[in-house]
């Protein structure tokens, strides 16, 4: 199980393998910039929240 603390790495922001949503978004966004990065970031964020 991944390490967490309630201030800097809250457990509710981590998936079952300890990855945080922002790390996943950063990985998928890559070199996109501007509106494309913003839109794709939101798509990924909401997909991760779905279940």
PDB file of N, CA and C in Angstrom:
ATOM      1  N   UNK A   1       0.836  -1.180   0.000  1.00  0.00           N
ATOM      2  CA  UNK A   1       0.000   0.000   0.000  1.00  0.00           C
ATOM      3  C   UNK A   1       0.882   1.246   0.000  1.00  0.00           C
ATOM      4  N   UNK A   2       0.488   2.261  -0.739  1.00  0.00           N
ATOM      5  CA  UNK A   2       1.277   3.487  -0.838  1.00  0.00           C
ATOM      6  C   UNK A   2       1.180   4.300   0.449  1.00  0.00           C
ATOM      7  N   UNK A   3       2.206   5.077   0.704  1.00  0.00           N
ATOM      8  CA  UNK A   3       2.214   5.940   1.885  1.00  0.00           C
ATOM      9  C   UNK A   3       1.297   7.142   1.645  1.00  0.00           C
ATOM     10  N   UNK A   4       0.694   7.640   2.702  1.00  0.00           N
ATOM     11  CA  UNK A   4      -0.121   8.844   2.602  1.00  0.00           C
ATOM     12  C   UNK A   4      -0.102   9.562   3.934  1.00  0.00           C
ATOM     13  N   UNK A   5      -0.370  10.857   3.877  1.00  0.00           N
ATOM     14  CA  UNK A   5      -0.668  11.595   5.095  1.00  0.00           C
ATOM     15  C   UNK A   5      -1.823  12.527   4.774  1.00  0.00           C
ATOM     16  N   UNK A   6      -2.534  12.942   5.774  1.00  0.00           N
ATOM     17  CA  UNK A   6      -3.788  13.661   5.553  1.00  0.00           C
ATOM     18  C   UNK A   6      -3.606  15.056   4.977  1.00  0.00           C
ATOM     19  N   UNK A   7      -2.388  15.598   5.002  1.00  0.00           N
ATOM     20  CA  UNK A   7      -2.159  16.949   4.498  1.00  0.00           C
ATOM     21  C   UNK A   7      -1.614  16.948   3.076  1.00  0.00           C
ATOM     22  N   UNK A   8      -0.506  16.287   2.834  1.00  0.00           N
ATOM     23  CA  UNK A   8       0.148  16.384   1.524  1.00  0.00           C
ATOM     24  C   UNK A   8      -0.212  15.267   0.552  1.00  0.00           C
ATOM     25  N   UNK A   9      -0.647  14.141   1.032  1.00  0.00           N
ATOM     26  CA  UNK A   9      -1.016  13.021   0.159  1.00  0.00           C
ATOM     27  C   UNK A   9      -2.246  12.310   0.721  1.00  0.00           C
ATOM     28  N   UNK A  10      -3.403  12.987   0.711  1.00  0.00           N
ATOM     29  CA  UNK A  10      -4.589  12.354   1.283  1.00  0.00           C
ATOM     30  C   UNK A  10      -4.968  11.089   0.517  1.00  0.00           C
ATOM     31  N   UNK A  11      -5.394  10.102   1.247  1.00  0.00           N
ATOM     32  CA  UNK A  11      -5.700   8.795   0.668  1.00  0.00           C
ATOM     33  C   UNK A  11      -6.819   8.880  -0.371  1.00  0.00           C
ATOM     34  N   UNK A  12      -7.774   9.796  -0.180  1.00  0.00           N
ATOM     35  CA  UNK A  12      -8.893   9.873  -1.123  1.00  0.00           C
ATOM     36  C   UNK A  12      -8.493  10.428  -2.487  1.00  0.00           C
ATOM     37  N   UNK A  13      -7.249  10.930  -2.638  1.00  0.00           N
ATOM     38  CA  UNK A  13      -6.750  11.365  -3.945  1.00  0.00           C
ATOM     39  C   UNK A  13      -5.929  10.280  -4.622  1.00  0.00           C
ATOM     40  N   UNK A  14      -5.812   9.128  -4.008  1.00  0.00           N
ATOM     41  CA  UNK A  14      -5.010   8.042  -4.557  1.00  0.00           C
ATOM     42  C   UNK A  14      -5.905   6.899  -5.011  1.00  0.00           C
ATOM     43  N   UNK A  15      -5.491   6.267  -6.091  1.00  0.00           N
ATOM     44  CA  UNK A  15      -6.192   5.076  -6.564  1.00  0.00           C
ATOM     45  C   UNK A  15      -5.740   3.860  -5.776  1.00  0.00           C
ATOM     46  N   UNK A  16      -6.204   2.706  -6.184  1.00  0.00           N
ATOM     47  CA  UNK A  16      -5.886   1.495  -5.429  1.00  0.00           C
ATOM     48  C   UNK A  16      -4.416   1.118  -5.485  1.00  0.00           C
ATOM     49  N   UNK A  17      -3.661   1.667  -6.436  1.00  0.00           N
ATOM     50  CA  UNK A  17      -2.228   1.378  -6.535  1.00  0.00           C
ATOM     51  C   UNK A  17      -1.372   2.531  -6.018  1.00  0.00           C
ATOM     52  N   UNK A  18      -2.000   3.524  -5.367  1.00  0.00           N
ATOM     53  CA  UNK A  18      -1.264   4.625  -4.776  1.00  0.00           C
ATOM     54  C   UNK A  18      -0.991   5.793  -5.700  1.00  0.00           C
ATOM     55  N   UNK A  19      -1.454   5.716  -6.953  1.00  0.00           N
ATOM     56  CA  UNK A  19      -1.243   6.825  -7.880  1.00  0.00           C
ATOM     57  C   UNK A  19      -2.228   7.942  -7.583  1.00  0.00           C
ATOM     58  N   UNK A  20      -1.733   9.171  -7.613  1.00  0.00           N
ATOM     59  CA  UNK A  20      -2.613  10.316  -7.429  1.00  0.00           C
ATOM     60  C   UNK A  20      -3.159  10.757  -8.779  1.00  0.00           C
ATOM     61  N   UNK A  21      -4.357  11.311  -8.764  1.00  0.00           N
ATOM     62  CA  UNK A  21      -5.002  11.738  -9.999  1.00  0.00           C
ATOM     63  C   UNK A  21      -4.133  12.713 -10.791  1.00  0.00           C
ATOM     64  N   UNK A  22      -3.493  13.658 -10.123  1.00  0.00           N
ATOM     65  CA  UNK A  22      -2.670  14.638 -10.839  1.00  0.00           C
ATOM     66  C   UNK A  22      -1.480  13.988 -11.520  1.00  0.00           C
ATOM     67  N   UNK A  23      -0.914  12.957 -10.955  1.00  0.00           N
ATOM     68  CA  UNK A  23       0.199  12.249 -11.596  1.00  0.00           C
ATOM     69  C   UNK A  23      -0.280  11.566 -12.876  1.00  0.00           C
ATOM     70  N   UNK A  24      -1.469  10.993 -12.830  1.00  0.00           N
ATOM     71  CA  UNK A  24      -2.034  10.346 -14.011  1.00  0.00           C
ATOM     72  C   UNK A  24      -2.318  11.388 -15.085  1.00  0.00           C
ATOM     73  N   UNK A  25      -2.930  12.505 -14.704  1.00  0.00           N
ATOM     74  CA  UNK A  25      -3.222  13.576 -15.658  1.00  0.00           C
ATOM     75  C   UNK A  25      -1.931  14.085 -16.286  1.00  0.00           C
ATOM     76  N   UNK A  26      -0.925  14.381 -15.476  1.00  0.00           N
ATOM     77  CA  UNK A  26       0.359  14.867 -15.997  1.00  0.00           C
ATOM     78  C   UNK A  26       0.967  13.878 -16.980  1.00  0.00           C
ATOM     79  N   UNK A  27       0.854  12.604 -16.695  1.00  0.00           N
ATOM     80  CA  UNK A  27       1.407  11.577 -17.569  1.00  0.00           C
ATOM     81  C   UNK A  27       0.706  11.570 -18.928  1.00  0.00           C
ATOM     82  N   UNK A  28      -0.613  11.714 -18.937  1.00  0.00           N
ATOM     83  CA  UNK A  28      -1.359  11.663 -20.186  1.00  0.00           C
ATOM     84  C   UNK A  28      -1.299  12.964 -20.978  1.00  0.00           C
ATOM     85  N   UNK A  29      -1.174  14.096 -20.319  1.00  0.00           N
ATOM     86  CA  UNK A  29      -1.166  15.386 -21.011  1.00  0.00           C
ATOM     87  C   UNK A  29       0.097  15.551 -21.847  1.00  0.00           C
ATOM     88  N   UNK A  30       1.225  15.106 -21.308  1.00  0.00           N
ATOM     89  CA  UNK A  30       2.479  15.180 -22.060  1.00  0.00           C
ATOM     90  C   UNK A  30       2.836  16.594 -22.473  1.00  0.00           C
ATOM     91  N   UNK A  31       2.983  16.809 -23.773  1.00  0.00           N
ATOM     92  CA  UNK A  31       3.418  18.107 -24.298  1.00  0.00           C
ATOM     93  C   UNK A  31       2.270  19.002 -24.735  1.00  0.00           C
ATOM     94  N   UNK A  32       1.046  18.634 -24.442  1.00  0.00           N
ATOM     95  CA  UNK A  32      -0.082  19.487 -24.813  1.00  0.00           C
ATOM     96  C   UNK A  32      -0.021  20.796 -24.036  1.00  0.00           C
ATOM     97  N   UNK A  33      -0.557  21.837 -24.625  1.00  0.00           N
ATOM     98  CA  UNK A  33      -0.558  23.141 -23.955  1.00  0.00           C
ATOM     99  C   UNK A  33      -1.907  23.815 -24.164  1.00  0.00           C
ATOM    100  N   UNK A  34      -2.158  24.824 -23.367  1.00  0.00           N
ATOM    101  CA  UNK A  34      -3.340  25.653 -23.535  1.00  0.00           C
ATOM    102  C   UNK A  34      -4.646  24.909 -23.362  1.00  0.00           C
ATOM    103  N   UNK A  35      -5.588  25.249 -24.260  1.00  0.00           N
ATOM    104  CA  UNK A  35      -6.943  24.718 -24.155  1.00  0.00           C
ATOM    105  C   UNK A  35      -6.977  23.195 -24.295  1.00  0.00           C
ATOM    106  N   UNK A  36      -6.144  22.635 -25.168  1.00  0.00           N
ATOM    107  CA  UNK A  36      -6.123  21.177 -25.349  1.00  0.00           C
ATOM    108  C   UNK A  36      -5.715  20.485 -24.051  1.00  0.00           C
ATOM    109  N   UNK A  37      -4.686  20.996 -23.385  1.00  0.00           N
ATOM    110  CA  UNK A  37      -4.238  20.408 -22.116  1.00  0.00           C
ATOM    111  C   UNK A  37      -5.325  20.543 -21.055  1.00  0.00           C
ATOM    112  N   UNK A  38      -5.961  21.701 -21.006  1.00  0.00           N
ATOM    113  CA  UNK A  38      -7.031  21.944 -20.035  1.00  0.00           C
ATOM    114  C   UNK A  38      -8.196  20.970 -20.244  1.00  0.00           C
ATOM    115  N   UNK A  39      -8.632  20.838 -21.489  1.00  0.00           N
ATOM    116  CA  UNK A  39      -9.772  19.965 -21.787  1.00  0.00           C
ATOM    117  C   UNK A  39      -9.454  18.500 -21.520  1.00  0.00           C
ATOM    118  N   UNK A  40      -8.301  18.028 -21.997  1.00  0.00           N
ATOM    119  CA  UNK A  40      -7.924  16.638 -21.754  1.00  0.00           C
ATOM    120  C   UNK A  40      -7.732  16.377 -20.265  1.00  0.00           C
ATOM    121  N   UNK A  41      -7.175  17.333 -19.557  1.00  0.00           N
ATOM    122  CA  UNK A  41      -7.007  17.181 -18.115  1.00  0.00           C
ATOM    123  C   UNK A  41      -8.334  16.992 -17.409  1.00  0.00           C
ATOM    124  N   UNK A  42      -9.336  17.763 -17.818  1.00  0.00           N
ATOM    125  CA  UNK A  42     -10.663  17.625 -17.215  1.00  0.00           C
ATOM    126  C   UNK A  42     -11.315  16.299 -17.565  1.00  0.00           C
ATOM    127  N   UNK A  43     -11.160  15.849 -18.798  1.00  0.00           N
ATOM    128  CA  UNK A  43     -11.709  14.549 -19.195  1.00  0.00           C
ATOM    129  C   UNK A  43     -11.133  13.449 -18.312  1.00  0.00           C
ATOM    130  N   UNK A  44      -9.810  13.436 -18.178  1.00  0.00           N
ATOM    131  CA  UNK A  44      -9.149  12.398 -17.380  1.00  0.00           C
ATOM    132  C   UNK A  44      -9.558  12.501 -15.917  1.00  0.00           C
ATOM    133  N   UNK A  45      -9.604  13.720 -15.400  1.00  0.00           N
ATOM    134  CA  UNK A  45      -9.981  13.934 -13.998  1.00  0.00           C
ATOM    135  C   UNK A  45     -11.373  13.368 -13.705  1.00  0.00           C
ATOM    136  N   UNK A  46     -12.330  13.660 -14.570  1.00  0.00           N
ATOM    137  CA  UNK A  46     -13.686  13.181 -14.324  1.00  0.00           C
ATOM    138  C   UNK A  46     -13.818  11.681 -14.550  1.00  0.00           C
ATOM    139  N   UNK A  47     -13.054  11.127 -15.478  1.00  0.00           N
ATOM    140  CA  UNK A  47     -13.057   9.670 -15.642  1.00  0.00           C
ATOM    141  C   UNK A  47     -12.509   8.980 -14.400  1.00  0.00           C
ATOM    142  N   UNK A  48     -11.469   9.557 -13.805  1.00  0.00           N
ATOM    143  CA  UNK A  48     -10.898   8.970 -12.594  1.00  0.00           C
ATOM    144  C   UNK A  48     -11.858   9.060 -11.409  1.00  0.00           C
ATOM    145  N   UNK A  49     -12.697  10.076 -11.386  1.00  0.00           N
ATOM    146  CA  UNK A  49     -13.667  10.236 -10.295  1.00  0.00           C
ATOM    147  C   UNK A  49     -14.893   9.343 -10.465  1.00  0.00           C
ATOM    148  N   UNK A  50     -15.111   8.844 -11.670  1.00  0.00           N
ATOM    149  CA  UNK A  50     -16.350   8.140 -12.000  1.00  0.00           C
ATOM    150  C   UNK A  50     -16.681   7.028 -11.019  1.00  0.00           C
ATOM    151  N   UNK A  51     -15.726   6.194 -10.673  1.00  0.00           N
ATOM    152  CA  UNK A  51     -16.015   5.116  -9.736  1.00  0.00           C
ATOM    153  C   UNK A  51     -14.937   4.973  -8.783  1.00  0.00           C
TER     154      UNK A  51
END
